[in-house]
Protein backbone atom coordinates (compact mmCIF):
# COMPACT_ATOMS: atom_id res chain seq x y z
CA GLU A 1 13.19 -5.46 -5.03
CA ASP A 2 11.68 -2.43 -7.33
CA TYR A 3 14.42 -0.20 -8.54
CA PHE A 4 12.60 3.21 -7.29
CA LYS A 5 9.94 2.00 -4.31
CA HIS A 6 12.51 -0.14 -2.93
CA VAL A 7 9.65 -2.93 -1.97
CA THR A 8 10.71 -6.42 -2.02
CA SER A 9 7.91 -9.15 -0.79
CA GLY A 10 5.28 -6.39 -0.15
CA GLY A 11 7.76 -5.17 2.61
CA PHE A 12 10.20 -1.87 2.43
CA ASP A 13 13.82 -2.66 2.11
CA LEU A 14 15.78 0.42 1.71
CA HIS A 15 17.94 1.47 5.01
CA ARG A 16 20.48 3.88 6.21
CA GLU A 17 23.07 3.79 8.68
CA SER A 18 24.08 6.86 10.33
CA GLN A 19 27.21 6.30 10.95
CA PRO A 20 30.05 3.25 10.56
CA ARG A 21 29.10 0.58 13.01
CA CYS A 22 26.83 2.35 14.68
CA GLY A 23 25.57 -0.46 16.63
CA PRO A 24 21.60 -1.68 17.30
CA GLY A 25 19.04 0.33 16.81
CA CYS A 26 21.22 2.88 14.43
CA THR A 27 19.56 1.53 11.00
CA GLN A 28 16.50 3.48 9.70
CA LEU A 29 14.50 3.03 7.16
CA ALA A 30 15.26 5.57 4.18
CA TRP A 31 11.53 6.52 3.15
CA GLN A 32 13.33 9.96 1.44
CA ASP A 33 14.94 7.86 -1.21
CA VAL A 34 11.40 6.40 -2.62
CA ASP A 35 11.21 7.23 -6.49
CA GLN A 36 15.05 7.39 -6.22
CA TYR A 37 17.34 5.02 -8.42
CA SER A 38 18.69 2.34 -6.51
CA THR A 39 22.04 2.11 -8.90
CA ASN A 40 21.96 5.94 -8.34
CA LEU A 41 21.27 5.99 -4.65
CA PHE A 42 24.49 2.71 -3.85
CA ALA A 43 26.73 5.12 -6.38
CA ASP A 44 26.21 8.17 -4.83
CA GLU A 45 26.36 6.44 -0.97
CA ALA A 46 29.60 5.10 -2.39
CA LEU A 47 30.78 9.05 -3.83
CA ARG A 48 29.84 10.47 -0.08
CA ILE A 49 31.65 7.99 1.32
CA ILE A 50 35.03 8.11 -0.16
CA ASP A 51 34.40 12.01 -0.27
CA ARG A 52 34.26 11.90 3.65
CA HIS A 53 36.97 9.35 3.91
CA ASN A 54 40.72 10.08 5.81
CA ALA A 55 42.78 8.88 3.14
CA SER A 56 45.65 7.68 4.72
CA GLU A 57 43.40 5.18 6.91
CA PRO A 58 42.24 2.03 4.96
CA LEU A 59 38.72 1.82 3.55
CA PHE A 60 36.46 -1.40 3.00
CA LEU A 61 34.13 -0.14 0.81
CA TYR A 62 32.05 -3.57 -0.98
CA GLN A 63 29.30 -2.28 -3.63
CA ALA A 64 26.92 -4.53 -4.13
CA TRP A 65 24.67 -3.40 -7.26
CA GLN A 66 21.15 -4.19 -7.56
CA GLY A 67 21.65 -3.49 -10.99
CA VAL A 68 21.40 -5.53 -13.40
CA HIS A 69 18.91 -7.89 -11.59
CA ALA A 70 14.99 -7.70 -12.06
CA PRO A 71 13.09 -6.28 -12.24
CA ARG A 72 14.38 -4.86 -16.10
CA GLN A 73 13.29 -1.01 -14.38
CA VAL A 74 15.81 2.01 -15.70
CA PRO A 75 15.36 5.80 -16.05
CA GLU A 76 14.59 6.60 -19.13
CA HIS A 77 17.71 8.64 -20.27
CA TYR A 78 19.42 5.62 -19.83
CA VAL A 79 17.44 3.86 -22.17
CA GLU A 80 17.27 6.58 -24.82
CA PRO A 81 20.89 6.25 -26.62
CA TYR A 82 19.71 2.76 -27.37
CA LEU A 83 16.13 3.44 -29.16
CA HIS A 84 17.23 3.10 -32.83
CA ARG A 85 19.70 0.72 -31.80
CA ILE A 86 18.06 -2.20 -29.82
CA ASN A 87 14.73 -2.76 -31.18
CA ASP A 88 13.75 -5.50 -27.91
CA THR A 89 12.47 -3.17 -25.38
CA ALA A 90 13.41 -5.52 -22.68
CA ARG A 91 17.20 -5.70 -24.00
CA ARG A 92 16.83 -1.90 -24.42
CA ALA A 93 16.08 -1.80 -20.90
CA PHE A 94 19.11 -4.13 -20.01
CA ALA A 95 21.17 -1.79 -21.80
CA GLY A 96 20.56 1.22 -20.08
CA MET A 97 21.10 -0.85 -16.47
CA VAL A 98 24.42 -1.50 -17.82
CA THR A 99 24.75 1.82 -19.01
CA ALA A 100 23.97 3.43 -15.29
CA VAL A 101 26.00 0.39 -13.79
CA ASP A 102 28.77 1.36 -15.65
CA GLU A 103 28.65 5.20 -15.07
CA GLY A 104 28.41 4.02 -11.24
CA ILE A 105 31.65 2.34 -11.36
CA GLY A 106 32.95 5.08 -13.44
CA ASN A 107 32.38 7.66 -10.94
CA ILE A 108 33.65 5.72 -8.00
CA THR A 109 36.87 5.26 -10.19
CA LYS A 110 37.32 8.71 -10.72
CA ALA A 111 36.71 9.55 -6.85
CA LEU A 112 39.04 7.03 -5.98
CA GLU A 113 41.80 8.31 -8.04
CA GLU A 114 41.27 12.36 -6.91
CA LYS A 115 41.49 11.00 -3.57
CA GLY A 116 44.83 9.15 -4.02
CA MET A 117 43.30 5.97 -3.26
CA LEU A 118 43.22 4.38 -6.48
CA ALA A 119 46.15 2.64 -6.65
CA ASN A 120 45.48 0.66 -3.58
CA SER A 121 42.15 -0.54 -4.68
CA VAL A 122 40.79 -3.83 -6.24
CA VAL A 123 37.67 -2.81 -8.48
């Protein structure tokens, strides 16, 4: 799946649900997220869920990262730190993708800690 256009096998494949367990007909195509990097979208959605969650209640949040799978696509600012350290452009893109995922995991972990939920989390 394209990381920015969210298209796979010729069809748009990014969906949002307005609420947990919202039922049939609730899922909407997320056209507003075209041109947004999926790794960042997934991390931002997790942060939104954590922020809105009542920390006294259990939370199951499964974060299935698209990164670092093909195709090798990443915003340039994640690649820039590797410009003079990694000569191979494919490896450099991969390093940028790993950096983006690492940033997302760090932000999610920080949000869980700030909300007092990290001690009871499996990361």
